[in-house]
Amino acid sequence: MSIATEATPSAHIVTLQGQLNSANAASVEADILGLVDGGARQLVLNFSPLDYISSAGLRVVLVLAKRLKAEGGKLVLFGMQPHVREVFDISGFLAILNVQPGRVEALAQF
């Protein structure tokens, strides 16, 4: 699992590559919440290179979304591969999260 962060004028883009599972969920959560602790309030998660997400990974996304909402921020996701999107769909997360097809559409949410 690798994480890359890019600051744009409107939001921080966090790109997740590999597999987000119980083995790495705690460290991924700590890394991303570190951005929020540092003042980031507009976050975009790029799931394009994410191959797999487990329930522990879904929890990371939910914790992040709740934290940003409490801080007056916003979370947008984009680039889900079909099998990752299916996990979000089955869990009901697509109904409660802002998911866009691509980077341009995600950044346009801010």
N, C-alpha and C. Protein backbone atom coordinates (compact mmCIF):
# COMPACT_ATOMS: atom_id res chain seq x y z
N MET A 1 0.85 -1.18 0.00
CA MET A 1 0.00 0.00 0.00
C MET A 1 0.89 1.23 0.00
N SER A 2 0.64 2.12 -0.94
CA SER A 2 1.36 3.38 -0.93
C SER A 2 0.36 4.53 -0.98
N ILE A 3 0.77 5.64 -0.38
CA ILE A 3 -0.07 6.83 -0.31
C ILE A 3 0.74 7.99 -0.86
N ALA A 4 0.12 8.74 -1.78
CA ALA A 4 0.74 9.96 -2.31
C ALA A 4 -0.22 11.11 -2.07
N THR A 5 0.32 12.25 -1.68
CA THR A 5 -0.51 13.42 -1.41
C THR A 5 -0.11 14.56 -2.32
N GLU A 6 -1.11 15.22 -2.87
CA GLU A 6 -0.89 16.37 -3.74
C GLU A 6 -1.78 17.51 -3.28
N ALA A 7 -1.18 18.67 -3.06
CA ALA A 7 -1.96 19.85 -2.68
C ALA A 7 -2.31 20.63 -3.94
N THR A 8 -3.60 20.90 -4.11
CA THR A 8 -4.06 21.75 -5.21
C THR A 8 -4.66 23.01 -4.59
N PRO A 9 -4.96 24.02 -5.38
CA PRO A 9 -5.55 25.24 -4.80
C PRO A 9 -6.88 24.99 -4.08
N SER A 10 -7.63 23.96 -4.49
CA SER A 10 -8.95 23.75 -3.89
C SER A 10 -9.02 22.61 -2.89
N ALA A 11 -8.10 21.64 -2.97
CA ALA A 11 -8.18 20.47 -2.09
C ALA A 11 -6.86 19.71 -2.06
N HIS A 12 -6.73 18.86 -1.07
CA HIS A 12 -5.62 17.90 -1.03
C HIS A 12 -6.11 16.62 -1.68
N ILE A 13 -5.32 16.08 -2.59
CA ILE A 13 -5.67 14.82 -3.24
C ILE A 13 -4.77 13.74 -2.65
N VAL A 14 -5.40 12.70 -2.11
CA VAL A 14 -4.69 11.57 -1.54
C VAL A 14 -4.92 10.37 -2.46
N THR A 15 -3.85 9.87 -3.04
CA THR A 15 -3.94 8.72 -3.95
C THR A 15 -3.54 7.47 -3.19
N LEU A 16 -4.44 6.49 -3.21
CA LEU A 16 -4.20 5.22 -2.54
C LEU A 16 -3.93 4.16 -3.59
N GLN A 17 -2.79 3.48 -3.45
CA GLN A 17 -2.40 2.46 -4.43
C GLN A 17 -2.14 1.14 -3.72
N GLY A 18 -2.68 0.08 -4.29
CA GLY A 18 -2.48 -1.25 -3.73
C GLY A 18 -3.74 -1.78 -3.09
N GLN A 19 -3.58 -2.30 -1.87
CA GLN A 19 -4.70 -2.88 -1.14
C GLN A 19 -4.85 -2.20 0.21
N LEU A 20 -6.08 -1.76 0.50
CA LEU A 20 -6.39 -1.17 1.80
C LEU A 20 -7.13 -2.23 2.60
N ASN A 21 -6.42 -2.82 3.58
CA ASN A 21 -6.98 -3.94 4.33
C ASN A 21 -6.63 -3.82 5.81
N SER A 22 -6.97 -4.85 6.57
CA SER A 22 -6.75 -4.79 8.02
C SER A 22 -5.28 -4.69 8.39
N ALA A 23 -4.40 -5.14 7.53
CA ALA A 23 -2.96 -5.09 7.82
C ALA A 23 -2.41 -3.67 7.79
N ASN A 24 -3.02 -2.79 6.99
CA ASN A 24 -2.47 -1.44 6.85
C ASN A 24 -3.48 -0.32 7.15
N ALA A 25 -4.70 -0.67 7.50
CA ALA A 25 -5.75 0.35 7.69
C ALA A 25 -5.39 1.36 8.77
N ALA A 26 -4.82 0.91 9.88
CA ALA A 26 -4.50 1.83 10.97
C ALA A 26 -3.46 2.86 10.55
N SER A 27 -2.44 2.44 9.82
CA SER A 27 -1.41 3.39 9.39
C SER A 27 -1.93 4.33 8.32
N VAL A 28 -2.78 3.84 7.42
CA VAL A 28 -3.38 4.70 6.39
C VAL A 28 -4.27 5.74 7.07
N GLU A 29 -5.08 5.29 8.03
CA GLU A 29 -5.95 6.22 8.77
C GLU A 29 -5.12 7.30 9.46
N ALA A 30 -4.05 6.90 10.12
CA ALA A 30 -3.19 7.86 10.82
C ALA A 30 -2.58 8.86 9.85
N ASP A 31 -2.13 8.38 8.69
CA ASP A 31 -1.52 9.27 7.69
C ASP A 31 -2.53 10.30 7.18
N ILE A 32 -3.73 9.84 6.85
CA ILE A 32 -4.72 10.76 6.27
C ILE A 32 -5.26 11.71 7.34
N LEU A 33 -5.52 11.19 8.55
CA LEU A 33 -5.99 12.08 9.62
C LEU A 33 -4.91 13.07 10.01
N GLY A 34 -3.65 12.74 9.76
CA GLY A 34 -2.58 13.70 9.98
C GLY A 34 -2.73 14.94 9.12
N LEU A 35 -3.24 14.76 7.90
CA LEU A 35 -3.52 15.91 7.03
C LEU A 35 -4.60 16.79 7.65
N VAL A 36 -5.64 16.14 8.17
CA VAL A 36 -6.74 16.89 8.80
C VAL A 36 -6.22 17.62 10.04
N ASP A 37 -5.42 16.93 10.84
CA ASP A 37 -4.82 17.56 12.02
C ASP A 37 -3.95 18.75 11.63
N GLY A 38 -3.37 18.69 10.43
CA GLY A 38 -2.53 19.78 9.93
C GLY A 38 -3.32 20.91 9.30
N GLY A 39 -4.65 20.80 9.29
CA GLY A 39 -5.48 21.89 8.80
C GLY A 39 -6.20 21.63 7.49
N ALA A 40 -5.94 20.50 6.83
CA ALA A 40 -6.65 20.20 5.57
C ALA A 40 -8.12 19.93 5.87
N ARG A 41 -8.99 20.59 5.15
CA ARG A 41 -10.43 20.41 5.34
C ARG A 41 -11.13 19.95 4.06
N GLN A 42 -10.48 20.10 2.93
CA GLN A 42 -11.04 19.67 1.64
C GLN A 42 -10.16 18.54 1.12
N LEU A 43 -10.67 17.30 1.19
CA LEU A 43 -9.88 16.15 0.79
C LEU A 43 -10.55 15.39 -0.34
N VAL A 44 -9.73 14.92 -1.26
CA VAL A 44 -10.16 14.06 -2.35
C VAL A 44 -9.37 12.77 -2.25
N LEU A 45 -10.06 11.65 -2.26
CA LEU A 45 -9.38 10.35 -2.29
C LEU A 45 -9.43 9.82 -3.71
N ASN A 46 -8.26 9.59 -4.27
CA ASN A 46 -8.13 9.01 -5.61
C ASN A 46 -7.98 7.51 -5.46
N PHE A 47 -9.01 6.78 -5.89
CA PHE A 47 -9.01 5.33 -5.76
C PHE A 47 -8.61 4.64 -7.07
N SER A 48 -8.19 5.39 -8.07
CA SER A 48 -7.86 4.79 -9.37
C SER A 48 -6.89 3.62 -9.27
N PRO A 49 -5.77 3.75 -8.52
CA PRO A 49 -4.83 2.63 -8.45
C PRO A 49 -5.09 1.68 -7.28
N LEU A 50 -6.26 1.82 -6.61
CA LEU A 50 -6.57 0.93 -5.49
C LEU A 50 -7.16 -0.37 -6.03
N ASP A 51 -6.51 -1.48 -5.71
CA ASP A 51 -6.92 -2.79 -6.23
C ASP A 51 -7.94 -3.49 -5.35
N TYR A 52 -7.95 -3.18 -4.05
CA TYR A 52 -8.79 -3.93 -3.12
C TYR A 52 -9.05 -3.08 -1.89
N ILE A 53 -10.26 -3.19 -1.33
CA ILE A 53 -10.58 -2.55 -0.05
C ILE A 53 -11.39 -3.53 0.78
N SER A 54 -11.01 -3.67 2.05
CA SER A 54 -11.71 -4.55 2.97
C SER A 54 -12.63 -3.72 3.85
N SER A 55 -13.33 -4.39 4.76
CA SER A 55 -14.20 -3.67 5.69
C SER A 55 -13.37 -2.73 6.57
N ALA A 56 -12.14 -3.10 6.88
CA ALA A 56 -11.27 -2.21 7.65
C ALA A 56 -10.95 -0.95 6.85
N GLY A 57 -10.80 -1.09 5.53
CA GLY A 57 -10.58 0.06 4.67
C GLY A 57 -11.80 0.94 4.58
N LEU A 58 -12.98 0.33 4.52
CA LEU A 58 -14.22 1.10 4.51
C LEU A 58 -14.34 1.92 5.79
N ARG A 59 -13.92 1.34 6.90
CA ARG A 59 -13.97 2.05 8.17
C ARG A 59 -13.09 3.29 8.13
N VAL A 60 -11.92 3.19 7.52
CA VAL A 60 -11.02 4.33 7.40
C VAL A 60 -11.72 5.48 6.66
N VAL A 61 -12.39 5.15 5.56
CA VAL A 61 -13.10 6.16 4.78
C VAL A 61 -14.22 6.78 5.60
N LEU A 62 -14.96 5.95 6.33
CA LEU A 62 -16.06 6.45 7.15
C LEU A 62 -15.56 7.35 8.28
N VAL A 63 -14.50 6.95 8.95
CA VAL A 63 -13.91 7.77 10.01
C VAL A 63 -13.47 9.11 9.45
N LEU A 64 -12.83 9.09 8.30
CA LEU A 64 -12.36 10.33 7.66
C LEU A 64 -13.54 11.23 7.30
N ALA A 65 -14.58 10.66 6.71
CA ALA A 65 -15.75 11.45 6.32
C ALA A 65 -16.41 12.09 7.54
N LYS A 66 -16.55 11.34 8.61
CA LYS A 66 -17.17 11.88 9.83
C LYS A 66 -16.31 12.97 10.44
N ARG A 67 -15.00 12.76 10.46
CA ARG A 67 -14.09 13.75 11.04
C ARG A 67 -14.14 15.05 10.24
N LEU A 68 -14.11 14.94 8.92
CA LEU A 68 -14.16 16.14 8.09
C LEU A 68 -15.48 16.88 8.26
N LYS A 69 -16.56 16.13 8.34
CA LYS A 69 -17.87 16.77 8.53
C LYS A 69 -17.90 17.52 9.85
N ALA A 70 -17.36 16.92 10.90
CA ALA A 70 -17.32 17.56 12.21
C ALA A 70 -16.46 18.82 12.20
N GLU A 71 -15.44 18.83 11.34
CA GLU A 71 -14.52 19.96 11.25
C GLU A 71 -14.96 21.00 10.22
N GLY A 72 -16.14 20.78 9.60
CA GLY A 72 -16.62 21.71 8.59
C GLY A 72 -15.98 21.52 7.23
N GLY A 73 -15.41 20.34 7.01
CA GLY A 73 -14.73 20.05 5.75
C GLY A 73 -15.58 19.20 4.82
N LYS A 74 -14.92 18.67 3.80
CA LYS A 74 -15.62 17.89 2.78
C LYS A 74 -14.71 16.82 2.22
N LEU A 75 -15.30 15.66 1.94
CA LEU A 75 -14.57 14.54 1.36
C LEU A 75 -15.23 14.13 0.05
N VAL A 76 -14.42 13.96 -0.99
CA VAL A 76 -14.90 13.49 -2.29
C VAL A 76 -14.00 12.35 -2.72
N LEU A 77 -14.60 11.31 -3.29
CA LEU A 77 -13.85 10.15 -3.78
C LEU A 77 -14.00 10.08 -5.29
N PHE A 78 -12.98 9.55 -5.96
CA PHE A 78 -13.11 9.34 -7.40
C PHE A 78 -12.24 8.19 -7.86
N GLY A 79 -12.53 7.72 -9.06
CA GLY A 79 -11.69 6.74 -9.75
C GLY A 79 -11.80 5.32 -9.25
N MET A 80 -12.95 4.93 -8.76
CA MET A 80 -13.10 3.56 -8.25
C MET A 80 -13.13 2.54 -9.38
N GLN A 81 -12.31 1.51 -9.24
CA GLN A 81 -12.39 0.39 -10.15
C GLN A 81 -13.71 -0.35 -9.87
N PRO A 82 -14.26 -1.05 -10.85
CA PRO A 82 -15.58 -1.68 -10.68
C PRO A 82 -15.70 -2.56 -9.44
N HIS A 83 -14.69 -3.37 -9.14
CA HIS A 83 -14.79 -4.27 -7.99
C HIS A 83 -14.70 -3.52 -6.66
N VAL A 84 -13.99 -2.39 -6.62
CA VAL A 84 -13.95 -1.55 -5.43
C VAL A 84 -15.27 -0.82 -5.28
N ARG A 85 -15.80 -0.32 -6.38
CA ARG A 85 -17.09 0.36 -6.34
C ARG A 85 -18.19 -0.58 -5.85
N GLU A 86 -18.11 -1.84 -6.24
CA GLU A 86 -19.11 -2.81 -5.81
C GLU A 86 -19.10 -2.97 -4.29
N VAL A 87 -17.92 -2.96 -3.68
CA VAL A 87 -17.83 -3.04 -2.22
C VAL A 87 -18.52 -1.84 -1.58
N PHE A 88 -18.28 -0.65 -2.13
CA PHE A 88 -18.93 0.56 -1.61
C PHE A 88 -20.44 0.50 -1.82
N ASP A 89 -20.87 -0.05 -2.93
CA ASP A 89 -22.29 -0.16 -3.24
C ASP A 89 -22.98 -1.13 -2.27
N ILE A 90 -22.41 -2.31 -2.10
CA ILE A 90 -22.99 -3.33 -1.23
C ILE A 90 -23.07 -2.83 0.21
N SER A 91 -22.06 -2.08 0.64
CA SER A 91 -22.02 -1.57 2.02
C SER A 91 -22.97 -0.40 2.24
N GLY A 92 -23.50 0.17 1.15
CA GLY A 92 -24.38 1.33 1.27
C GLY A 92 -23.63 2.65 1.31
N PHE A 93 -22.31 2.61 1.18
CA PHE A 93 -21.50 3.82 1.27
C PHE A 93 -21.70 4.76 0.08
N LEU A 94 -22.09 4.22 -1.07
CA LEU A 94 -22.30 5.09 -2.23
C LEU A 94 -23.43 6.07 -1.98
N ALA A 95 -24.36 5.68 -1.12
CA ALA A 95 -25.51 6.55 -0.82
C ALA A 95 -25.14 7.69 0.13
N ILE A 96 -24.06 7.52 0.89
CA ILE A 96 -23.74 8.54 1.90
C ILE A 96 -22.46 9.32 1.60
N LEU A 97 -21.71 8.89 0.60
CA LEU A 97 -20.46 9.57 0.25
C LEU A 97 -20.56 10.23 -1.12
N ASN A 98 -19.77 11.26 -1.31
CA ASN A 98 -19.71 11.96 -2.60
C ASN A 98 -18.68 11.26 -3.47
N VAL A 99 -19.16 10.49 -4.45
CA VAL A 99 -18.27 9.74 -5.34
C VAL A 99 -18.43 10.27 -6.75
N GLN A 100 -17.32 10.67 -7.35
CA GLN A 100 -17.31 11.23 -8.70
C GLN A 100 -16.53 10.31 -9.63
N PRO A 101 -16.79 10.41 -10.94
CA PRO A 101 -16.10 9.52 -11.87
C PRO A 101 -14.61 9.83 -12.05
N GLY A 102 -14.23 11.11 -12.04
CA GLY A 102 -12.85 11.46 -12.31
C GLY A 102 -12.34 12.63 -11.50
N ARG A 103 -11.06 12.94 -11.68
CA ARG A 103 -10.39 14.01 -10.96
C ARG A 103 -11.05 15.37 -11.18
N VAL A 104 -11.34 15.69 -12.42
CA VAL A 104 -11.91 17.00 -12.76
C VAL A 104 -13.25 17.18 -12.02
N GLU A 105 -14.09 16.14 -12.09
CA GLU A 105 -15.40 16.22 -11.44
C GLU A 105 -15.26 16.30 -9.93
N ALA A 106 -14.28 15.58 -9.38
CA ALA A 106 -14.06 15.61 -7.93
C ALA A 106 -13.63 17.00 -7.46
N LEU A 107 -12.68 17.59 -8.16
CA LEU A 107 -12.20 18.93 -7.77
C LEU A 107 -13.27 19.99 -7.98
N ALA A 108 -14.18 19.77 -8.93
CA ALA A 108 -15.26 20.72 -9.19
C ALA A 108 -16.26 20.78 -8.03
N GLN A 109 -16.18 19.83 -7.10
CA GLN A 109 -17.09 19.81 -5.94
C GLN A 109 -16.73 20.85 -4.89
N PHE A 110 -15.57 21.48 -5.05
CA PHE A 110 -15.12 22.45 -4.03
C PHE A 110 -15.26 23.88 -4.52
